[in-house]
Amino acid sequence: MEDTAYHITEQCFSLLKKRIQYRNKPFLKQLETNGLVVFKYEDPSLLEYALDVIPLQRLYEEASPEPSIEDNVIKRLLHWFKNEFFTWVNNPPCHHCGHTDTRWESNLEPTDDDKTYGAFTVEGFRCLACASQVRFPRYRAVGAQARIVYDSTDHVWTEVYSEFEQRWIHCDSCEEAWDSPLLYSLGWNKKLSYCIAFSTVEALDVTKRYTQGWSDVLKRRNQVREIELALFLDDLTKERQRSFGLERKRELNERRVKELMELEGLSQKRMAKEDEWVGRQSGSAEWRAMRGEIGNELKIDTFTLLGSCRQTGQDVIRLTDNKTSQTGAFYHPQPIPLDDFKGAEVEFALRIIGQGADGLAFLIQAADKEALGEGGCQLGYGGIKNSVAVEFDTYQSLDRCADPSANHISVHARQPPYPNSAHHDYSLGYTSSISPLTTGQWIKVKIQIDSEGVRVGLCDKQQYIQVLDVQLDVLKYLDYPKSNQAWIGFTASTGGLTQIHEVQWIELNIHYK
């Protein structure tokens, strides 16, 4: 069956290549040139020299054997490179007088020696002490399968194949980053368009691994048609595998198909990790700020408690007691400026004790720092204007709210000037395909808000699984720019039936443009 599918695909590609002219596109020529550099990494003399420099034995001794010694050695290698071997050069010292105050002027033409050692970019600096010109060439072994990823917006990094996880994993030695592919688009604010991976055996478009919101990414991909890029990379891969035996080709093709399926899945559902929101670490602060690659974080300290809400422990807030007609809310006291708002990520644990009603909600609102909504089936947020709520509803109020089930997560918002409502008519997306919320146990949740919308993940075996992804313009529902600040917090309520609703705050990160 797999062989049949493979041959059908090959025939289809062969037919397309006869009908579509793509070989002379300048952008594809540029990709081909950039993809050739990977062959230098297989030079035995260079690998031998690298092993003379890398303290490989020490890295193996430092690496934990579990769950994978090979992967952990790569992590130690990243740490060694970042902290011991590598030095970031903002501006080189003058070769003539030794003065360190030099200023960049322009890029220079590389010499033959520069090109021999792989430096095709040479930066020209001027010494402010003696006015001499300073040339600074930028030059671009452990046994792991590695490939280079070329980013058309001006960056490169590495991917390493993990035999343990059976997939390619993002690595950036300058940032000591391991498996943080959204680092560039989220943490650095980069608008990525084309991320192409090159090894000595293949070439593959891996942009979906490094981006979110594929429809927006497609709008930026205007260098060539998508089919032209796909055919070109297929050609390049076949050329690099031309001397391989049938069994080796089949093995690589199976791995390629598996990766393509993985990439397709990544473009649809993915929760960003905390370390992917971090701004760029390498380079001077001035240079990183100029490139817009510095992240910002806001940590929670104290809260504004409203209604029935009270603090019951060092990090536990109880929104309602096990009593009827309770309504509670709490917010972080520091408002979020919306002019530069890029997104928010909140991680918390909720605990709902009792089989009564009604549930709790996460809320971002631009109404007031002490906004408290209606109780009962409105969950404490109904009636609050300029708000977006993620409700964790535990009671099916059919008559008053038309709830889809007695156990669902739903995103609610209404366009200004109308107040928000827990009625299902105003749900922008929901799911009932979740485990019970009323277990009396702590349930860890991660919510991400950005220009793409709202994503909700529930923790399962130490990993967040996305259960809901709702596309919406959050700022529009917050009535921006008329409203220029917002508050983040939680609400909950009971009616004729009772429940205890508690939240344990773990972390909040606010990200700015």
Protein backbone atom coordinates (compact mmCIF):
# COMPACT_ATOMS: atom_id res chain seq x y z
CA MET A 1 0.00 0.00 0.00
CA GLU A 2 2.80 2.41 0.95
CA ASP A 3 4.73 1.52 -2.21
CA THR A 4 1.64 2.22 -4.32
CA ALA A 5 1.12 5.60 -2.68
CA TYR A 6 4.82 6.41 -3.15
CA HIS A 7 4.73 5.59 -6.88
CA ILE A 8 1.51 7.57 -7.40
CA THR A 9 3.10 10.58 -5.70
CA GLU A 10 6.23 10.23 -7.83
CA GLN A 11 4.18 10.10 -11.02
CA CYS A 12 2.21 13.17 -9.96
CA PHE A 13 5.39 15.15 -9.19
CA SER A 14 6.94 14.04 -12.48
CA LEU A 15 3.91 15.27 -14.41
CA LEU A 16 3.90 18.61 -12.60
CA LYS A 17 7.60 19.16 -13.27
CA LYS A 18 6.98 18.81 -17.00
CA ARG A 19 4.27 21.45 -16.94
CA ILE A 20 5.61 24.02 -14.45
CA GLN A 21 8.70 26.12 -15.14
CA TYR A 22 10.40 26.84 -11.83
CA ARG A 23 14.12 26.16 -12.13
CA ASN A 24 15.31 29.70 -12.89
CA LYS A 25 13.55 31.54 -10.07
CA PRO A 26 16.08 33.84 -8.27
CA PHE A 27 14.72 32.95 -4.82
CA LEU A 28 15.15 29.23 -5.47
CA LYS A 29 18.69 29.84 -6.72
CA GLN A 30 19.40 31.64 -3.45
CA LEU A 31 18.01 28.71 -1.45
CA GLU A 32 20.15 26.26 -3.41
CA THR A 33 23.29 28.28 -2.68
CA ASN A 34 22.50 28.49 1.03
CA GLY A 35 21.78 24.77 1.11
CA LEU A 36 25.25 23.84 -0.17
CA VAL A 37 26.99 24.98 3.01
CA VAL A 38 25.82 21.86 4.84
CA PHE A 39 28.24 19.69 2.84
CA LYS A 40 31.17 21.46 4.52
CA TYR A 41 29.97 20.09 7.85
CA GLU A 42 30.75 16.56 6.63
CA ASP A 43 34.39 17.39 5.88
CA PRO A 44 36.37 14.78 7.92
CA SER A 45 39.22 17.19 8.65
CA LEU A 46 36.81 19.81 10.03
CA LEU A 47 35.00 17.20 12.12
CA GLU A 48 38.32 15.99 13.52
CA TYR A 49 39.32 19.54 14.40
CA ALA A 50 35.95 20.15 16.08
CA LEU A 51 36.37 17.03 18.21
CA ASP A 52 39.79 18.31 19.32
CA VAL A 53 38.08 21.43 20.69
CA ILE A 54 34.82 20.01 22.09
CA PRO A 55 35.21 18.36 25.54
CA LEU A 56 33.10 15.41 24.43
CA GLN A 57 34.08 13.08 27.27
CA ARG A 58 33.11 15.72 29.83
CA LEU A 59 29.78 16.33 28.11
CA TYR A 60 28.95 12.63 28.30
CA GLU A 61 29.86 12.59 31.99
CA GLU A 62 27.62 15.60 32.66
CA ALA A 63 24.66 14.29 30.65
CA SER A 64 21.91 12.36 32.38
CA PRO A 65 21.39 8.87 30.88
CA GLU A 66 17.60 9.25 31.09
CA PRO A 67 15.50 9.45 29.07
CA SER A 68 18.10 9.67 26.26
CA ILE A 69 21.86 10.05 26.75
CA GLU A 70 22.29 11.20 23.13
CA ASP A 71 19.74 14.02 23.45
CA ASN A 72 21.15 15.13 26.79
CA VAL A 73 24.68 15.27 25.36
CA ILE A 74 23.39 17.69 22.71
CA LYS A 75 21.84 19.83 25.47
CA ARG A 76 25.17 19.89 27.32
CA LEU A 77 26.90 20.80 24.05
CA LEU A 78 24.53 23.77 23.66
CA HIS A 79 25.33 24.86 27.21
CA TRP A 80 29.09 24.51 26.66
CA PHE A 81 28.96 26.48 23.41
CA LYS A 82 26.84 29.28 24.88
CA ASN A 83 28.65 29.65 28.21
CA GLU A 84 32.28 28.59 27.60
CA PHE A 85 33.24 28.54 23.94
CA PHE A 86 31.21 31.20 22.15
CA THR A 87 31.73 34.96 22.48
CA TRP A 88 29.27 37.38 20.90
CA VAL A 89 31.04 40.23 19.13
CA ASN A 90 29.06 43.47 18.99
CA ASN A 91 31.97 45.45 17.53
CA PRO A 92 35.54 44.15 17.05
CA PRO A 93 38.57 45.96 18.54
CA CYS A 94 40.85 47.89 16.21
CA HIS A 95 43.67 45.73 14.79
CA HIS A 96 45.97 48.78 14.55
CA CYS A 97 45.70 50.59 17.90
CA GLY A 98 43.74 48.08 19.98
CA HIS A 99 41.00 50.59 20.80
CA THR A 100 37.64 48.93 21.50
CA ASP A 101 35.46 51.84 20.38
CA THR A 102 34.69 50.94 16.76
CA ARG A 103 31.54 51.66 14.79
CA TRP A 104 29.97 49.71 11.91
CA GLU A 105 30.02 51.45 8.52
CA SER A 106 29.10 48.95 5.82
CA ASN A 107 29.56 45.40 4.60
CA LEU A 108 32.72 44.73 2.59
CA GLU A 109 33.56 42.40 -0.28
CA PRO A 110 34.91 39.09 1.11
CA THR A 111 38.45 38.12 0.09
CA ASP A 112 39.39 34.70 -1.30
CA ASP A 113 40.67 33.70 2.15
CA ASP A 114 37.37 34.75 3.72
CA LYS A 115 35.44 32.62 1.24
CA THR A 116 37.75 29.65 1.75
CA TYR A 117 36.75 29.48 5.40
CA GLY A 118 33.08 30.09 4.76
CA ALA A 119 32.80 33.81 5.53
CA PHE A 120 30.65 35.34 2.80
CA THR A 121 29.65 38.29 5.00
CA VAL A 122 32.39 40.72 6.05
CA GLU A 123 31.42 43.67 8.21
CA GLY A 124 33.38 46.91 7.96
CA PHE A 125 33.97 48.96 11.13
CA ARG A 126 35.74 52.31 11.63
CA CYS A 127 37.97 52.89 14.67
CA LEU A 128 36.93 56.11 16.42
CA ALA A 129 40.44 56.53 17.86
CA CYS A 130 42.74 56.16 14.82
CA ALA A 131 40.16 56.09 11.97
CA SER A 132 41.49 52.74 10.66
CA GLN A 133 39.13 50.35 8.92
CA VAL A 134 38.47 47.09 10.78
CA ARG A 135 37.37 44.01 8.82
CA PHE A 136 35.29 41.41 10.68
CA PRO A 137 34.42 38.23 8.74
CA ARG A 138 31.49 36.26 10.22
CA TYR A 139 32.10 32.51 9.89
CA ARG A 140 29.34 30.21 9.94
CA ALA A 141 31.20 16.93 14.88
CA VAL A 142 29.68 15.14 17.57
CA GLY A 143 28.15 12.36 15.48
CA ALA A 144 24.50 13.38 15.69
CA GLN A 145 22.40 13.71 12.54
CA ALA A 146 22.11 17.46 12.06
CA ARG A 147 20.85 19.88 9.46
CA ILE A 148 20.90 23.63 9.05
CA VAL A 149 17.70 25.68 8.87
CA TYR A 150 17.86 28.75 6.68
CA ASP A 151 15.42 31.54 7.60
CA SER A 152 14.85 33.96 4.73
CA THR A 153 14.45 36.90 7.14
CA ASP A 154 18.18 36.68 8.15
CA HIS A 155 18.83 33.93 10.69
CA VAL A 156 20.11 30.34 10.75
CA TRP A 157 19.90 27.60 13.35
CA THR A 158 20.22 23.83 13.65
CA GLU A 159 17.98 20.79 13.89
CA VAL A 160 19.17 17.50 15.37
CA TYR A 161 17.46 14.18 14.77
CA SER A 162 16.53 12.49 18.04
CA GLU A 163 16.55 8.71 17.73
CA PHE A 164 14.80 8.56 21.09
CA GLU A 165 11.89 10.79 20.05
CA GLN A 166 12.05 9.82 16.36
CA ARG A 167 11.81 13.42 15.17
CA TRP A 168 13.88 16.47 14.26
CA ILE A 169 14.42 18.86 17.19
CA HIS A 170 15.18 22.58 17.01
CA CYS A 171 18.55 23.71 18.47
CA ASP A 172 20.04 27.21 18.68
CA SER A 173 23.52 27.27 20.17
CA CYS A 174 23.65 31.08 20.49
CA GLU A 175 20.55 30.99 22.72
CA GLU A 176 21.17 27.58 24.33
CA ALA A 177 17.70 26.69 23.05
CA TRP A 178 16.48 23.09 22.76
CA ASP A 179 13.12 22.21 21.21
CA SER A 180 11.75 25.77 21.32
CA PRO A 181 10.75 26.29 17.68
CA LEU A 182 8.32 29.16 18.34
CA LEU A 183 11.12 31.17 19.99
CA TYR A 184 11.66 33.35 16.90
CA SER A 185 8.06 34.18 15.98
CA LEU A 186 6.80 34.62 19.56
CA GLY A 187 9.81 35.61 21.65
CA TRP A 188 11.74 37.55 19.01
CA ASN A 189 8.74 39.01 17.16
CA LYS A 190 10.09 37.77 13.83
CA LYS A 191 7.65 37.58 10.91
CA LEU A 192 8.94 34.33 9.45
CA SER A 193 8.11 33.39 5.87
CA TYR A 194 10.41 30.61 4.70
CA CYS A 195 12.34 28.25 6.98
CA ILE A 196 14.07 25.61 4.87
CA ALA A 197 16.05 22.72 6.39
CA PHE A 198 19.07 21.37 4.50
CA SER A 199 21.07 18.24 5.19
CA THR A 200 23.38 16.28 2.92
CA VAL A 201 20.49 13.93 2.08
CA GLU A 202 17.45 16.19 1.76
CA ALA A 203 15.85 19.64 1.68
CA LEU A 204 12.51 20.33 3.35
CA ASP A 205 10.24 23.29 4.07
CA VAL A 206 9.84 23.28 7.89
CA THR A 207 8.22 26.72 8.27
CA LYS A 208 5.15 25.25 9.99
CA ARG A 209 7.34 24.07 12.86
CA TYR A 210 8.43 27.66 13.59
CA THR A 211 5.20 29.61 13.11
CA GLN A 212 1.60 29.92 14.24
CA GLY A 213 -1.32 31.18 12.17
CA TRP A 214 -0.51 29.56 8.83
CA SER A 215 -3.03 31.70 6.93
CA ASP A 216 -1.09 34.84 7.92
CA VAL A 217 2.26 33.22 7.11
CA LEU A 218 1.00 32.37 3.61
CA LYS A 219 0.34 36.05 2.95
CA ARG A 220 4.06 36.73 3.49
CA ARG A 221 5.21 33.85 1.26
CA ASN A 222 5.25 35.71 -2.04
CA GLN A 223 8.68 34.83 -3.48
CA VAL A 224 7.49 31.78 -5.43
CA ARG A 225 4.32 29.74 -5.76
CA GLU A 226 3.93 26.99 -3.17
CA ILE A 227 3.96 24.27 -5.83
CA GLU A 228 7.18 25.69 -7.30
CA LEU A 229 8.90 25.53 -3.91
CA ALA A 230 7.65 21.98 -3.29
CA LEU A 231 8.90 20.75 -6.69
CA PHE A 232 12.26 22.47 -6.23
CA LEU A 233 12.86 20.90 -2.80
CA ASP A 234 11.81 17.51 -4.16
CA ASP A 235 14.34 17.90 -6.98
CA LEU A 236 17.07 18.90 -4.55
CA THR A 237 16.32 15.91 -2.32
CA LYS A 238 16.39 13.47 -5.24
CA GLU A 239 19.72 14.89 -6.40
CA ARG A 240 21.25 14.40 -2.95
CA GLN A 241 19.96 10.83 -2.77
CA ARG A 242 20.87 9.88 -6.34
CA SER A 243 23.68 7.49 -5.36
CA PHE A 244 21.69 5.81 -2.56
CA GLY A 245 20.35 2.27 -2.69
CA LEU A 246 16.62 1.57 -2.84
CA GLU A 247 16.40 0.55 0.83
CA ARG A 248 18.10 3.76 2.04
CA LYS A 249 15.86 5.90 -0.17
CA ARG A 250 12.78 4.13 1.17
CA GLU A 251 13.92 4.66 4.77
CA LEU A 252 14.48 8.38 4.21
CA ASN A 253 11.16 8.74 2.39
CA GLU A 254 9.26 7.12 5.26
CA ARG A 255 10.89 9.52 7.70
CA ARG A 256 10.11 12.45 5.41
CA VAL A 257 6.43 11.50 5.11
CA LYS A 258 6.18 11.15 8.89
CA GLU A 259 7.73 14.59 9.34
CA LEU A 260 5.37 16.18 6.81
CA MET A 261 2.43 14.77 8.76
CA GLU A 262 3.96 16.14 11.99
CA LEU A 263 4.37 19.59 10.41
CA GLU A 264 0.77 19.58 9.21
CA GLY A 265 -0.38 18.82 12.75
CA LEU A 266 1.80 21.59 14.21
CA SER A 267 0.16 24.15 11.93
CA GLN A 268 -3.25 23.35 13.43
CA LYS A 269 -2.96 22.76 17.20
CA ARG A 270 -0.07 23.72 19.42
CA MET A 271 0.45 25.27 22.83
CA ALA A 272 3.51 27.51 23.02
CA LYS A 273 5.94 26.72 25.82
CA GLU A 274 7.18 29.25 28.36
CA ASP A 275 10.72 29.39 26.94
CA GLU A 276 9.36 30.18 23.47
CA TRP A 277 8.15 33.60 24.66
CA VAL A 278 11.65 34.69 25.73
CA GLY A 279 13.23 37.60 23.85
CA ARG A 280 16.60 37.26 22.16
CA GLN A 281 19.53 36.77 24.57
CA SER A 282 22.56 37.10 22.27
CA GLY A 283 23.79 40.50 21.14
CA SER A 284 23.80 43.89 22.83
CA ALA A 285 20.54 45.24 24.27
CA GLU A 286 20.65 48.15 21.80
CA TRP A 287 21.07 45.82 18.81
CA ARG A 288 18.31 43.44 19.99
CA ALA A 289 15.94 46.34 20.64
CA MET A 290 16.65 47.77 17.19
CA ARG A 291 15.63 44.42 15.69
CA GLY A 292 12.55 44.19 17.93
CA GLU A 293 13.76 40.90 19.43
CA ILE A 294 13.48 41.67 23.17
CA GLY A 295 10.68 40.03 25.15
CA ASN A 296 8.85 41.43 28.16
CA GLU A 297 7.40 39.65 31.17
CA LEU A 298 5.05 40.65 33.97
CA LYS A 299 4.84 38.52 37.11
CA ILE A 300 1.88 38.22 39.48
CA ASP A 301 2.37 39.41 43.07
CA THR A 302 -0.85 40.64 44.73
CA PHE A 303 -4.52 40.56 43.71
CA THR A 304 -7.66 42.63 44.02
CA LEU A 305 -10.32 40.39 45.66
CA LEU A 306 -14.03 41.11 45.10
CA GLY A 307 -17.34 39.72 46.36
CA SER A 308 -17.11 36.31 48.01
CA CYS A 309 -13.47 35.89 46.96
CA ARG A 310 -10.82 35.29 49.64
CA GLN A 311 -7.31 33.93 49.93
CA THR A 312 -7.13 30.56 51.73
CA GLY A 313 -3.44 29.74 51.35
CA GLN A 314 -0.14 31.15 50.18
CA ASP A 315 -1.06 30.63 46.53
CA VAL A 316 -4.73 29.55 46.63
CA ILE A 317 -7.68 31.88 46.11
CA ARG A 318 -11.23 30.69 46.78
CA LEU A 319 -13.79 32.45 44.61
CA THR A 320 -16.88 30.91 46.24
CA ASP A 321 -17.56 28.90 49.35
CA ASN A 322 -19.96 25.95 49.40
CA LYS A 323 -22.92 28.33 49.79
CA THR A 324 -25.77 29.54 47.61
CA SER A 325 -25.81 32.87 45.75
CA GLN A 326 -22.06 33.50 45.89
CA THR A 327 -20.24 35.68 43.34
CA GLY A 328 -16.51 36.33 43.46
CA ALA A 329 -13.73 37.74 41.31
CA PHE A 330 -10.06 38.68 41.53
CA TYR A 331 -7.72 40.62 39.25
CA HIS A 332 -4.08 41.49 39.06
CA PRO A 333 -3.87 45.11 40.26
CA GLN A 334 -1.59 46.31 37.48
CA PRO A 335 -3.47 47.11 34.27
CA ILE A 336 -2.16 45.87 30.94
CA PRO A 337 -1.43 48.67 28.43
CA LEU A 338 -3.13 47.70 25.19
CA ASP A 339 -1.17 49.98 22.84
CA ASP A 340 1.80 47.59 22.81
CA PHE A 341 -0.06 44.42 23.81
CA LYS A 342 1.16 41.37 21.90
CA GLY A 343 -0.26 38.51 23.93
CA ALA A 344 -0.65 36.85 27.30
CA GLU A 345 -0.03 33.41 28.66
CA VAL A 346 -1.49 32.36 31.99
CA GLU A 347 -0.85 29.06 33.72
CA PHE A 348 -2.97 28.09 36.69
CA ALA A 349 -4.68 25.20 38.44
CA LEU A 350 -8.40 25.11 39.18
CA ARG A 351 -10.25 22.98 41.70
CA ILE A 352 -14.02 22.58 41.76
CA ILE A 353 -15.41 20.71 44.76
CA GLY A 354 -18.98 19.43 44.67
CA GLN A 355 -21.44 18.33 41.98
CA GLY A 356 -23.60 21.46 42.19
CA ALA A 357 -23.20 24.66 40.14
CA ASP A 358 -22.14 26.79 38.37
CA GLY A 359 -18.45 27.08 37.40
CA LEU A 360 -15.66 29.62 37.04
CA ALA A 361 -14.14 31.75 34.26
CA PHE A 362 -10.83 33.27 33.24
CA LEU A 363 -11.40 36.87 32.17
CA ILE A 364 -9.56 39.66 30.38
CA GLN A 365 -11.61 42.85 30.55
CA ALA A 366 -11.24 46.56 29.91
CA ALA A 367 -14.26 47.70 31.95
CA ASP A 368 -12.92 48.37 35.45
CA LYS A 369 -10.30 47.12 37.90
CA GLU A 370 -13.14 46.09 40.25
CA ALA A 371 -15.61 44.68 37.72
CA LEU A 372 -17.91 42.02 39.16
CA GLY A 373 -20.65 40.51 37.04
CA GLU A 374 -23.86 38.58 37.64
CA GLY A 375 -24.05 35.35 39.61
CA GLY A 376 -25.71 32.00 39.02
CA CYS A 377 -25.36 30.69 35.48
CA GLN A 378 -23.56 33.93 34.46
CA LEU A 379 -20.45 32.69 36.36
CA GLY A 380 -19.58 36.14 37.70
CA TYR A 381 -18.61 37.65 34.32
CA GLY A 382 -22.02 38.07 32.68
CA GLY A 383 -22.83 41.76 32.39
CA ILE A 384 -19.19 42.94 32.21
CA LYS A 385 -18.57 45.02 29.08
CA ASN A 386 -15.43 44.93 26.93
CA SER A 387 -14.41 41.45 28.03
CA VAL A 388 -13.40 38.02 26.76
CA ALA A 389 -14.14 35.07 29.05
CA VAL A 390 -12.99 31.47 29.02
CA GLU A 391 -15.58 29.66 31.10
CA PHE A 392 -15.24 26.28 32.81
CA ASP A 393 -18.94 25.49 33.15
CA THR A 394 -20.11 22.63 35.37
CA TYR A 395 -23.91 22.89 35.15
CA GLN A 396 -26.21 22.67 32.14
CA SER A 397 -28.50 25.68 32.49
CA LEU A 398 -30.78 24.91 29.57
CA ASP A 399 -33.53 27.39 30.39
CA ARG A 400 -31.42 30.48 31.10
CA CYS A 401 -28.16 29.93 29.17
CA ALA A 402 -28.80 27.10 26.66
CA ASP A 403 -25.61 25.39 27.83
CA PRO A 404 -24.40 22.59 25.52
CA SER A 405 -23.50 20.27 28.42
CA ALA A 406 -22.80 20.11 32.15
CA ASN A 407 -19.05 19.88 31.53
CA HIS A 408 -17.65 22.25 28.93
CA ILE A 409 -15.09 24.97 28.22
CA SER A 410 -16.32 27.91 26.15
CA VAL A 411 -15.02 31.30 24.99
CA HIS A 412 -17.57 34.12 25.31
CA ALA A 413 -17.47 37.72 24.09
CA ARG A 414 -19.79 40.37 22.66
CA GLN A 415 -18.82 43.35 20.58
CA PRO A 416 -18.97 46.73 22.34
CA PRO A 417 -21.08 48.34 23.65
CA TYR A 418 -22.93 45.14 24.61
CA PRO A 419 -22.09 43.42 27.92
CA ASN A 420 -20.71 39.89 27.92
CA SER A 421 -23.04 36.99 28.62
CA ALA A 422 -22.73 33.30 29.53
CA HIS A 423 -25.67 32.47 27.23
CA HIS A 424 -24.50 30.03 24.59
CA ASP A 425 -25.66 32.38 21.83
CA TYR A 426 -22.53 34.39 22.61
CA SER A 427 -20.10 31.49 22.61
CA LEU A 428 -17.40 31.92 19.96
CA GLY A 429 -16.26 28.33 20.35
CA TYR A 430 -16.55 25.53 22.89
CA THR A 431 -15.72 21.90 23.66
CA SER A 432 -17.37 19.25 25.81
CA SER A 433 -14.71 16.68 24.88
CA ILE A 434 -12.84 17.04 28.15
CA SER A 435 -12.41 15.10 31.37
CA PRO A 436 -14.78 15.98 34.24
CA LEU A 437 -14.07 19.35 35.87
CA THR A 438 -15.78 18.52 39.18
CA THR A 439 -13.34 15.90 40.47
CA GLY A 440 -12.29 17.88 43.53
CA GLN A 441 -8.70 17.55 42.28
CA TRP A 442 -6.40 20.26 40.97
CA ILE A 443 -6.52 20.56 37.16
CA LYS A 444 -3.66 22.47 35.52
CA VAL A 445 -4.64 24.82 32.70
CA LYS A 446 -2.74 27.03 30.28
CA ILE A 447 -4.47 29.81 28.33
CA GLN A 448 -2.77 31.76 25.54
CA ILE A 449 -4.14 34.97 24.05
CA ASP A 450 -2.64 36.73 21.04
CA SER A 451 -3.58 38.26 17.70
CA GLU A 452 -4.67 34.83 16.45
CA GLY A 453 -7.24 34.31 19.23
CA VAL A 454 -7.51 32.17 22.37
CA ARG A 455 -6.08 28.69 22.97
CA VAL A 456 -6.79 26.50 25.99
CA GLY A 457 -4.67 23.55 27.07
CA LEU A 458 -5.19 21.01 29.85
CA CYS A 459 -2.25 19.25 31.47
CA ASP A 460 -2.02 15.51 30.91
CA LYS A 461 1.02 13.60 32.18
CA GLN A 462 3.21 16.72 32.49
CA GLN A 463 2.28 17.94 28.99
CA TYR A 464 -0.34 20.47 27.92
CA ILE A 465 -2.81 19.17 25.34
CA GLN A 466 -4.71 21.83 23.44
CA VAL A 467 -8.46 21.26 23.78
CA LEU A 468 -9.83 24.51 22.35
CA ASP A 469 -8.64 27.01 19.73
CA VAL A 470 -10.91 29.97 18.99
CA GLN A 471 -9.96 32.60 16.43
CA LEU A 472 -10.97 36.13 17.36
CA ASP A 473 -9.63 39.68 17.51
CA VAL A 474 -9.26 40.12 21.27
CA LEU A 475 -8.52 43.85 21.05
CA LYS A 476 -11.76 44.45 19.16
CA TYR A 477 -13.82 42.88 21.95
CA LEU A 478 -11.87 44.91 24.53
CA ASP A 479 -12.98 48.05 22.62
CA TYR A 480 -9.43 49.09 21.74
CA PRO A 481 -8.33 51.84 21.03
CA LYS A 482 -11.20 53.48 22.90
CA SER A 483 -10.10 51.40 25.90
CA ASN A 484 -6.34 51.55 26.34
CA GLN A 485 -5.87 49.19 29.30
CA ALA A 486 -7.25 45.89 30.57
CA TRP A 487 -7.17 43.61 33.62
CA ILE A 488 -6.69 39.86 33.86
CA GLY A 489 -8.35 37.70 36.49
CA PHE A 490 -10.99 35.12 37.37
CA THR A 491 -14.68 35.04 38.29
CA ALA A 492 -17.02 32.35 39.66
CA SER A 493 -20.51 32.02 41.08
CA THR A 494 -23.14 29.77 42.60
CA GLY A 495 -26.93 30.02 42.46
CA GLY A 496 -29.45 27.71 44.08
CA LEU A 497 -26.86 24.91 43.94
CA THR A 498 -23.41 25.17 45.48
CA GLN A 499 -19.77 24.44 44.70
CA ILE A 500 -16.36 25.49 45.96
CA HIS A 501 -14.34 27.21 43.20
CA GLU A 502 -10.60 27.66 43.79
CA VAL A 503 -7.68 28.86 41.68
CA GLN A 504 -3.99 28.31 42.30
CA TRP A 505 -2.03 30.85 40.29
CA ILE A 506 1.15 29.48 38.73
CA GLU A 507 2.39 32.13 36.31
CA LEU A 508 1.30 35.01 34.10
CA ASN A 509 3.42 36.40 31.28
CA ILE A 510 2.38 39.50 29.37
CA HIS A 511 4.15 40.00 26.04
CA TYR A 512 4.58 43.34 24.34
CA LYS A 513 5.43 44.33 20.80
